[in-house]
Structure formats: C-alpha cells, structure tokens
C-alpha cells in the first residue's frame, strides 16, 4: 500500500512538473510571438552624416535602437535620398516617413508661427529657448500649431548662436545690403528684404556652388563648425560673427501622430527621452566644436573676420520689431505664440542681465 501511494505521488509530481514545464515553454513561445517590432523612416533636411545637424538624427536612431532592444529601428535618410530637404514636413504629415529632422522656420508658409520655435532675429538664446519650450509652455503651443497637420514636434537639438554669415564684400552701412542676394531663411529673410536685400532659400548642400557661381552674394548657414565643413571660406572672403538673426537655433524632430500613437507606451517614452538627449548633446557638441573650427578658419585659412557696424544692427533690430508686430496682426496663431515667447523672453532676460551678462563682462 505504501509503495503504491509513493509510486502514485511520484507519478503525479512528475506529471505536474511536466505540465508546468510545458506551460512555461508555451508561455515563453507566446511571449516571443507577441513581441512586435517597428521600422520607421526618418527624412532630414541635411546631407547624410553631416557634422552636427546630420549626426543628430543618427544619434537618435542609435539611442532608440539600443534602449528598445531593437524593437524600434529608425532608418535615417539625408536630404534628397528619399525626399528633398524642404519636403520633410509634407513627407511626415502625409505618412511617407514616420519621422523628420529639420528646422521649424522652413515651414512659415504653412504655419506662420513656426519660426518662433526655432530662431528669430534678436530672440532667445539656446538655453532660453529650451527653458521656454520645456518649462514655459512653448512645447504645448508647438504641438497645438502642428496638430492640424498630424505631426507631433519635439526639440531636436540646438546649434547655438549663429554667425551673421559669409559675404563677398564688406558691409559698412545699410546701403551695402541693397540688392544683396543672400541665402537666409525664416523671419530674418523678411527683415533683410525690407532692408533692401534679396533673400534666397537654399538647402545646405546648394550654398557653396551658389556662392561660387555668383548666384548669391552672401549666405548664413550655422557657424564655424559647419561652415568649415562646407568650405565656404573658399567662396566668400569675409566672415561676419555678429549674432542677430539666429541667437539660438532650435532644430526639430517631426513625428507622424498616427505612427506615434501606434507604438506601445514604453516605446513612446523611449522616443521622447531619446529626443531630449539629442537636444542637449547637439548643443554641447556645437559649443565645443565651434571654438575649435573658428581657430582653424582664422589660423589655417586666413579668413577675414568682421562684425556688422552698430548702426546696421540697430536698423535690423528696428525692422525686426516691425515685422513681428505685423505678423502678429495678420495671424492669430502667431500672435498667441509670440505673446508667450516675448513674455518669457522679457522675464528671463532680466535674470540673465543680472547674472550671466554681468559675469561675462567681469570674467
């Protein structure tokens, strides 16, 4: 009897263990089958792997792939590889690509307020812009402006304060701007147009040949780091450092809203965190590399560094105020965003005048 009971218990135990093992295996198989992977395309306005601008989306793709364990893979396309650089917004909005990386001021024809989320003449610095976007209500307004197009925007890097640009002739007065054909986007282009210049919109890859051929007389791009990479010093003699048109140029990630909503919550959070990481690391990179590149431009390539005369800067600032007021009067969305932007800038400027400005003068 005891032997029979012992044998029976042993058999039952063996069956139970076998059943548990089968269930775990089945559960593991089911779990593996349920893991879904996503493949996204990201189109950009920059040449593939271009320093700074072009590497920001590549870093994003790497971060997302690693953090998601390969569940979300992002393939990055340079300008012209899948769509032209200035068609990034439409490609993301229409679903041709799930993501884009560009500059918001390129879309002012669609969304008049869009330049305010990137850079405006005599506006906020990079750190001030980031503060407004993430802690001053700017990001919420950005999302509101892009929502009708089915796009979720996120800050995607910042190139910091941008140089006034490359000129084939020196600028001594406002008269020297009259008739000047200059590559310059956004609201700064409108300011220069009112000053008598002729603004031209070109992608980065088109600038050098246009300068060299004489199609344009001047061009802004980014700053020493990127300008050195494009070799602009070979096509224009004078390099103006005066910061006025883009004091802190924010870049953007554009995300197709439908594609984002299809992701599980953990992958959505990975996208958000990766974007924030790239936003900060890109600014850090530009702050470090611009200084190195400027030394190389001056010492190795003997670039003629210049600053714009104070009367020219004063007049450009006056025209900027005029342009901003007119834009606000013509578009309710612009007026709403400009109110938030200008209120925040006025407040933080007081603090920075008291702290950083005084520190810069003293050190």
Protein backbone atom coordinates (compact mmCIF):
# COMPACT_ATOMS: atom_id res chain seq x y z
CA UNK A 1 0.00 0.00 0.00
CA UNK A 2 2.74 2.46 0.97
CA UNK A 3 4.72 1.52 -2.09
CA UNK A 4 1.66 2.11 -4.29
CA UNK A 5 0.99 5.51 -2.68
CA UNK A 6 4.62 6.51 -3.02
CA UNK A 7 4.68 5.47 -6.66
CA UNK A 8 1.43 7.32 -7.34
CA UNK A 9 2.67 10.52 -5.69
CA UNK A 10 5.88 10.31 -7.67
CA UNK A 11 3.93 9.91 -10.91
CA UNK A 12 1.62 12.82 -10.06
CA UNK A 13 4.58 15.00 -9.17
CA UNK A 14 6.29 14.13 -12.43
CA UNK A 15 3.14 14.94 -14.42
CA UNK A 16 2.74 18.24 -12.57
CA UNK A 17 6.32 19.24 -13.24
CA UNK A 18 5.95 18.25 -16.89
CA UNK A 19 2.74 20.29 -17.16
CA UNK A 20 4.41 23.32 -15.56
CA UNK A 21 7.33 23.00 -17.90
CA UNK A 22 5.07 22.79 -20.94
CA UNK A 23 3.06 25.78 -19.77
CA UNK A 24 6.19 27.90 -19.21
CA UNK A 25 7.54 26.90 -22.57
CA UNK A 26 4.20 27.65 -24.18
CA UNK A 27 4.09 30.97 -22.32
CA UNK A 28 7.59 31.84 -23.42
CA UNK A 29 6.75 30.97 -27.02
CA UNK A 30 3.61 33.04 -26.85
CA UNK A 31 5.52 35.93 -25.35
CA UNK A 32 8.14 35.78 -28.11
CA UNK A 33 5.42 35.68 -30.74
CA UNK A 34 3.74 38.73 -29.21
CA UNK A 35 6.86 40.94 -29.31
CA UNK A 36 6.26 43.37 -32.15
CA UNK A 37 8.98 45.32 -33.89
CA UNK A 38 8.58 48.64 -35.66
CA UNK A 39 10.59 50.10 -38.51
CA UNK A 40 10.49 53.83 -39.10
CA UNK A 41 11.92 56.07 -41.78
CA UNK A 42 13.33 59.47 -40.83
CA UNK A 43 13.85 62.05 -43.56
CA UNK A 44 16.03 65.10 -42.93
CA UNK A 45 16.92 68.48 -44.39
CA UNK A 46 20.66 67.83 -44.08
CA UNK A 47 23.29 65.91 -46.04
CA UNK A 48 23.69 62.37 -44.73
CA UNK A 49 26.04 62.22 -41.70
CA UNK A 50 26.81 65.95 -41.93
CA UNK A 51 28.62 67.09 -38.73
CA UNK A 52 26.24 68.27 -36.03
CA UNK A 53 23.00 68.69 -37.95
CA UNK A 54 23.23 65.42 -39.82
CA UNK A 55 24.53 63.41 -36.89
CA UNK A 56 21.70 64.42 -34.52
CA UNK A 57 19.17 62.13 -36.24
CA UNK A 58 21.77 59.34 -36.44
CA UNK A 59 22.33 59.58 -32.67
CA UNK A 60 18.58 59.50 -32.12
CA UNK A 61 18.27 56.31 -34.19
CA UNK A 62 21.13 54.68 -32.25
CA UNK A 63 19.67 55.65 -28.88
CA UNK A 64 16.21 54.34 -29.78
CA UNK A 65 17.52 51.06 -31.16
CA UNK A 66 19.61 50.39 -28.07
CA UNK A 67 17.02 51.44 -25.48
CA UNK A 68 14.25 49.46 -27.20
CA UNK A 69 16.37 46.34 -27.61
CA UNK A 70 15.81 46.52 -31.35
CA UNK A 71 12.01 46.73 -31.10
CA UNK A 72 12.03 50.15 -32.79
CA UNK A 73 14.51 50.70 -35.60
CA UNK A 74 14.82 54.09 -37.33
CA UNK A 75 16.41 54.38 -40.76
CA UNK A 76 17.77 57.88 -41.42
CA UNK A 77 17.74 59.43 -44.90
CA UNK A 78 19.72 62.53 -45.85
CA UNK A 79 18.24 65.37 -47.89
CA UNK A 80 17.39 64.16 -51.37
CA UNK A 81 17.77 60.45 -50.61
CA UNK A 82 14.05 59.85 -50.10
CA UNK A 83 12.58 63.35 -50.37
CA UNK A 84 14.12 66.80 -50.96
CA UNK A 85 15.24 68.69 -47.85
CA UNK A 86 12.37 71.16 -47.98
CA UNK A 87 9.72 68.44 -48.29
CA UNK A 88 10.38 66.87 -44.89
CA UNK A 89 7.26 68.37 -43.32
CA UNK A 90 4.96 67.12 -46.09
CA UNK A 91 6.56 63.66 -46.06
CA UNK A 92 5.92 63.23 -42.33
CA UNK A 93 2.46 64.76 -42.47
CA UNK A 94 1.45 62.52 -45.36
CA UNK A 95 2.94 59.36 -43.86
CA UNK A 96 5.69 58.84 -46.45
CA UNK A 97 8.03 58.81 -43.44
CA UNK A 98 7.23 58.35 -39.78
CA UNK A 99 9.76 60.98 -38.70
CA UNK A 100 11.68 64.00 -39.90
CA UNK A 101 14.52 66.19 -38.65
CA UNK A 102 14.68 69.79 -39.79
CA UNK A 103 14.30 73.44 -38.78
CA UNK A 104 10.88 74.85 -37.97
CA UNK A 105 11.39 78.16 -39.81
CA UNK A 106 11.28 76.32 -43.14
CA UNK A 107 7.51 75.90 -42.71
CA UNK A 108 6.48 79.52 -42.16
CA UNK A 109 4.48 79.38 -45.39
CA UNK A 110 2.29 76.66 -43.85
CA UNK A 111 2.42 77.72 -40.19
CA UNK A 112 3.28 81.42 -39.70
CA UNK A 113 4.23 80.84 -36.06
CA UNK A 114 6.69 78.01 -36.82
CA UNK A 115 9.87 80.18 -36.82
CA UNK A 116 9.23 81.09 -33.18
CA UNK A 117 10.00 77.50 -32.17
CA UNK A 118 13.39 77.60 -33.89
CA UNK A 119 15.02 81.01 -34.12
CA UNK A 120 14.01 84.61 -34.70
CA UNK A 121 16.12 87.76 -35.05
CA UNK A 122 17.15 89.24 -31.70
CA UNK A 123 15.27 86.45 -29.93
CA UNK A 124 16.15 83.97 -27.22
CA UNK A 125 19.45 82.14 -26.83
CA UNK A 126 19.63 78.35 -26.94
CA UNK A 127 19.30 77.88 -23.19
CA UNK A 128 16.46 80.41 -23.01
CA UNK A 129 14.61 78.74 -25.89
CA UNK A 130 14.92 75.31 -24.25
CA UNK A 131 13.65 76.75 -20.98
CA UNK A 132 10.60 78.24 -22.70
CA UNK A 133 9.86 75.08 -24.67
CA UNK A 134 10.07 72.65 -21.77
CA UNK A 135 9.10 74.78 -18.76
CA UNK A 136 7.36 77.86 -20.16
CA UNK A 137 4.55 76.38 -22.25
CA UNK A 138 6.34 76.59 -25.60
CA UNK A 139 6.20 72.87 -26.40
CA UNK A 140 2.45 72.74 -25.79
CA UNK A 141 1.93 75.64 -28.19
CA UNK A 142 4.22 73.98 -30.73
CA UNK A 143 2.15 70.80 -30.57
CA UNK A 144 -1.03 72.84 -30.94
CA UNK A 145 0.24 74.58 -34.09
CA UNK A 146 1.37 71.32 -35.74
CA UNK A 147 -1.65 69.18 -34.73
CA UNK A 148 -3.81 70.06 -37.77
CA UNK A 149 -1.08 68.50 -39.92
CA UNK A 150 -0.95 65.26 -37.94
CA UNK A 151 2.55 65.97 -36.66
CA UNK A 152 3.97 65.85 -33.14
CA UNK A 153 7.01 68.15 -32.81
CA UNK A 154 9.85 67.68 -30.35
CA UNK A 155 13.00 69.70 -29.80
CA UNK A 156 15.75 68.02 -31.79
CA UNK A 157 18.97 69.85 -30.97
CA UNK A 158 20.29 73.39 -30.99
CA UNK A 159 23.25 74.79 -32.91
CA UNK A 160 23.65 77.73 -30.53
CA UNK A 161 24.36 81.30 -31.62
CA UNK A 162 24.86 81.53 -35.37
CA UNK A 163 27.29 83.81 -37.18
CA UNK A 164 25.87 86.52 -39.44
CA UNK A 165 27.42 84.73 -42.39
CA UNK A 166 29.76 84.84 -45.37
CA UNK A 167 29.96 87.89 -47.64
CA UNK A 168 31.83 88.58 -50.84
CA UNK A 169 32.07 92.26 -49.95
CA UNK A 170 32.33 94.16 -46.69
CA UNK A 171 29.27 95.69 -45.07
CA UNK A 172 29.85 99.27 -43.94
CA UNK A 173 26.30 100.61 -43.93
CA UNK A 174 22.70 99.74 -44.78
CA UNK A 175 23.40 100.81 -48.37
CA UNK A 176 25.65 97.77 -48.76
CA UNK A 177 22.65 95.49 -48.14
CA UNK A 178 20.63 96.92 -51.01
CA UNK A 179 20.34 94.39 -53.81
CA UNK A 180 22.45 91.86 -51.89
CA UNK A 181 21.35 88.31 -52.78
CA UNK A 182 21.69 86.33 -49.57
CA UNK A 183 20.74 82.83 -48.59
CA UNK A 184 18.78 83.31 -45.36
CA UNK A 185 15.54 81.62 -44.23
CA UNK A 186 12.70 82.43 -41.88
CA UNK A 187 11.75 85.81 -40.49
CA UNK A 188 15.34 87.02 -40.85
CA UNK A 189 14.83 86.79 -44.60
CA UNK A 190 11.84 89.13 -44.34
CA UNK A 191 13.87 91.56 -42.24
CA UNK A 192 16.65 91.65 -44.81
CA UNK A 193 14.16 92.04 -47.63
CA UNK A 194 12.79 95.18 -46.01
CA UNK A 195 16.36 96.37 -45.65
CA UNK A 196 16.70 96.15 -49.42
CA UNK A 197 18.39 92.75 -49.75
CA UNK A 198 17.11 89.78 -51.76
CA UNK A 199 16.63 86.71 -49.51
CA UNK A 200 17.14 83.33 -51.17
CA UNK A 201 16.11 79.95 -49.75
CA UNK A 202 18.56 77.10 -50.36
CA UNK A 203 19.34 73.81 -48.65
CA UNK A 204 22.79 73.49 -47.10
CA UNK A 205 24.11 71.38 -49.95
CA UNK A 206 23.29 74.09 -52.50
CA UNK A 207 25.04 77.00 -50.80
CA UNK A 208 28.68 76.53 -51.81
CA UNK A 209 28.01 76.20 -55.54
CA UNK A 210 25.64 79.18 -55.42
CA UNK A 211 28.28 81.33 -53.72
CA UNK A 212 30.95 80.16 -56.11
CA UNK A 213 28.86 80.77 -59.23
CA UNK A 214 27.68 84.19 -58.12
CA UNK A 215 24.04 83.14 -57.87
CA UNK A 216 24.17 84.61 -54.36
CA UNK A 217 26.44 87.27 -52.85
CA UNK A 218 26.28 86.12 -49.23
CA UNK A 219 25.00 83.31 -47.07
CA UNK A 220 24.38 82.46 -43.46
CA UNK A 221 24.47 78.79 -42.55
CA UNK A 222 25.27 77.83 -38.98
CA UNK A 223 28.64 78.73 -37.51
CA UNK A 224 32.33 77.83 -37.72
CA UNK A 225 31.87 74.08 -37.14
CA UNK A 226 29.50 73.54 -40.06
CA UNK A 227 30.78 76.39 -42.21
CA UNK A 228 34.27 74.91 -42.15
CA UNK A 229 32.89 71.51 -43.19
CA UNK A 230 31.24 73.06 -46.26
CA UNK A 231 34.36 75.04 -47.16
CA UNK A 232 32.62 78.40 -47.52
CA UNK A 233 35.93 80.18 -46.93
CA UNK A 234 36.84 79.18 -50.50
CA UNK A 235 33.86 81.03 -51.98
CA UNK A 236 33.49 84.19 -49.85
CA UNK A 237 36.16 86.44 -48.39
CA UNK A 238 34.52 87.98 -45.32
CA UNK A 239 33.10 86.14 -42.32
CA UNK A 240 30.79 88.18 -40.08
CA UNK A 241 30.45 87.00 -36.50
CA UNK A 242 27.75 89.45 -35.36
CA UNK A 243 24.88 87.45 -33.90
CA UNK A 244 21.46 88.84 -34.77
CA UNK A 245 19.31 86.58 -36.95
CA UNK A 246 19.60 83.26 -35.06
CA UNK A 247 20.85 83.70 -31.48
CA UNK A 248 19.99 80.12 -30.54
CA UNK A 249 18.74 77.94 -33.37
CA UNK A 250 16.48 75.12 -32.28
CA UNK A 251 16.14 72.06 -34.51
CA UNK A 252 13.12 69.80 -34.53
CA UNK A 253 12.01 66.21 -34.71
CA UNK A 254 8.73 65.83 -36.56
CA UNK A 255 6.77 62.66 -35.76
CA UNK A 256 3.73 61.37 -37.61
CA UNK A 257 0.99 61.37 -34.98
CA UNK A 258 -0.67 58.16 -36.20
CA UNK A 259 2.64 56.26 -36.21
CA UNK A 260 3.48 57.53 -32.72
CA UNK A 261 0.09 56.51 -31.34
CA UNK A 262 0.55 53.01 -32.70
CA UNK A 263 3.62 52.50 -30.51
CA UNK A 264 3.21 50.93 -27.05
CA UNK A 265 3.69 53.37 -24.20
CA UNK A 266 7.22 52.26 -23.35
CA UNK A 267 8.42 52.86 -26.91
CA UNK A 268 6.72 56.26 -26.95
CA UNK A 269 8.64 57.16 -23.82
CA UNK A 270 11.89 55.96 -25.40
CA UNK A 271 11.26 58.27 -28.38
CA UNK A 272 10.64 61.20 -26.04
CA UNK A 273 13.72 60.53 -23.91
CA UNK A 274 15.97 59.99 -26.93
CA UNK A 275 14.81 63.31 -28.40
CA UNK A 276 15.61 65.14 -25.16
CA UNK A 277 19.04 63.52 -25.02
CA UNK A 278 19.85 64.53 -28.59
CA UNK A 279 18.57 68.04 -27.96
CA UNK A 280 21.12 68.56 -25.19
CA UNK A 281 24.05 66.66 -26.71
CA UNK A 282 23.79 68.57 -30.00
CA UNK A 283 24.11 71.92 -28.24
CA UNK A 284 27.06 70.60 -26.24
CA UNK A 285 28.74 69.49 -29.46
CA UNK A 286 28.31 72.86 -31.16
CA UNK A 287 29.60 74.75 -28.14
CA UNK A 288 32.75 72.62 -28.16
CA UNK A 289 33.34 72.40 -31.92
CA UNK A 290 32.59 75.98 -32.98
CA UNK A 291 35.53 77.30 -31.00
CA UNK A 292 37.95 74.77 -32.50
CA UNK A 293 36.71 75.42 -36.03
CA UNK A 294 36.96 79.20 -35.71
CA UNK A 295 40.63 78.93 -34.76
CA UNK A 296 41.21 76.76 -37.81
CA UNK A 297 39.40 79.18 -40.11
CA UNK A 298 41.46 82.11 -38.86
CA UNK A 299 44.87 80.49 -38.44
CA UNK A 300 44.94 77.98 -41.28
CA UNK A 301 42.64 79.50 -43.88
CA UNK A 302 43.27 83.17 -43.01
CA UNK A 303 39.58 84.07 -43.00
CA UNK A 304 38.84 87.79 -42.62
CA UNK A 305 36.66 88.02 -39.53
CA UNK A 306 34.37 91.05 -39.33
CA UNK A 307 31.49 92.46 -37.26
CA UNK A 308 28.48 94.37 -38.53
CA UNK A 309 28.52 98.11 -37.75
CA UNK A 310 26.35 99.14 -34.80
CA UNK A 311 24.06 101.35 -36.95
CA UNK A 312 23.35 98.35 -39.21
CA UNK A 313 22.47 96.14 -36.26
CA UNK A 314 20.29 98.86 -34.76
CA UNK A 315 18.35 99.23 -38.01
CA UNK A 316 17.92 95.47 -38.38
CA UNK A 317 16.57 95.36 -34.84
CA UNK A 318 14.11 98.16 -35.61
CA UNK A 319 12.88 96.36 -38.73
CA UNK A 320 12.56 93.11 -36.76
CA UNK A 321 10.17 94.74 -34.28
CA UNK A 322 8.14 96.00 -37.22
CA UNK A 323 7.99 92.55 -38.83
CA UNK A 324 6.97 90.82 -35.60
CA UNK A 325 4.16 93.28 -34.96
CA UNK A 326 2.82 92.83 -38.48
CA UNK A 327 3.00 89.04 -38.29
CA UNK A 328 1.06 89.09 -35.03
CA UNK A 329 -1.62 91.35 -36.54
CA UNK A 330 -2.09 89.02 -39.53
CA UNK A 331 -2.22 85.61 -37.87
CA UNK A 332 -3.93 84.63 -34.61
CA UNK A 333 -1.69 81.61 -34.10
CA UNK A 334 1.42 83.73 -34.47
CA UNK A 335 0.02 86.31 -32.04
CA UNK A 336 -0.73 83.61 -29.45
CA UNK A 337 2.73 82.05 -29.65
CA UNK A 338 4.51 85.42 -29.86
CA UNK A 339 2.78 86.59 -26.67
CA UNK A 340 4.05 83.55 -24.77
CA UNK A 341 7.52 83.78 -26.35
CA UNK A 342 8.03 87.51 -25.81
CA UNK A 343 6.68 87.44 -22.23
CA UNK A 344 9.06 84.62 -21.33
CA UNK A 345 11.98 86.32 -23.07
CA UNK A 346 11.39 89.59 -21.23
CA UNK A 347 11.35 87.81 -17.88
CA UNK A 348 14.39 85.61 -18.42
CA UNK A 349 16.33 88.49 -19.98
CA UNK A 350 16.06 90.43 -16.72
CA UNK A 351 17.53 87.47 -14.84
CA UNK A 352 20.33 86.88 -17.36
CA UNK A 353 21.22 90.57 -17.50
CA UNK A 354 21.64 90.45 -13.74
CA UNK A 355 23.65 87.22 -13.76
CA UNK A 356 25.28 85.97 -16.97
CA UNK A 357 25.71 89.32 -18.71
CA UNK A 358 27.48 90.80 -15.70
CA UNK A 359 29.54 87.66 -15.28
CA UNK A 360 30.70 87.74 -18.92
CA UNK A 361 31.81 91.34 -18.52
CA UNK A 362 33.63 90.62 -15.25
CA UNK A 363 35.47 87.45 -16.14
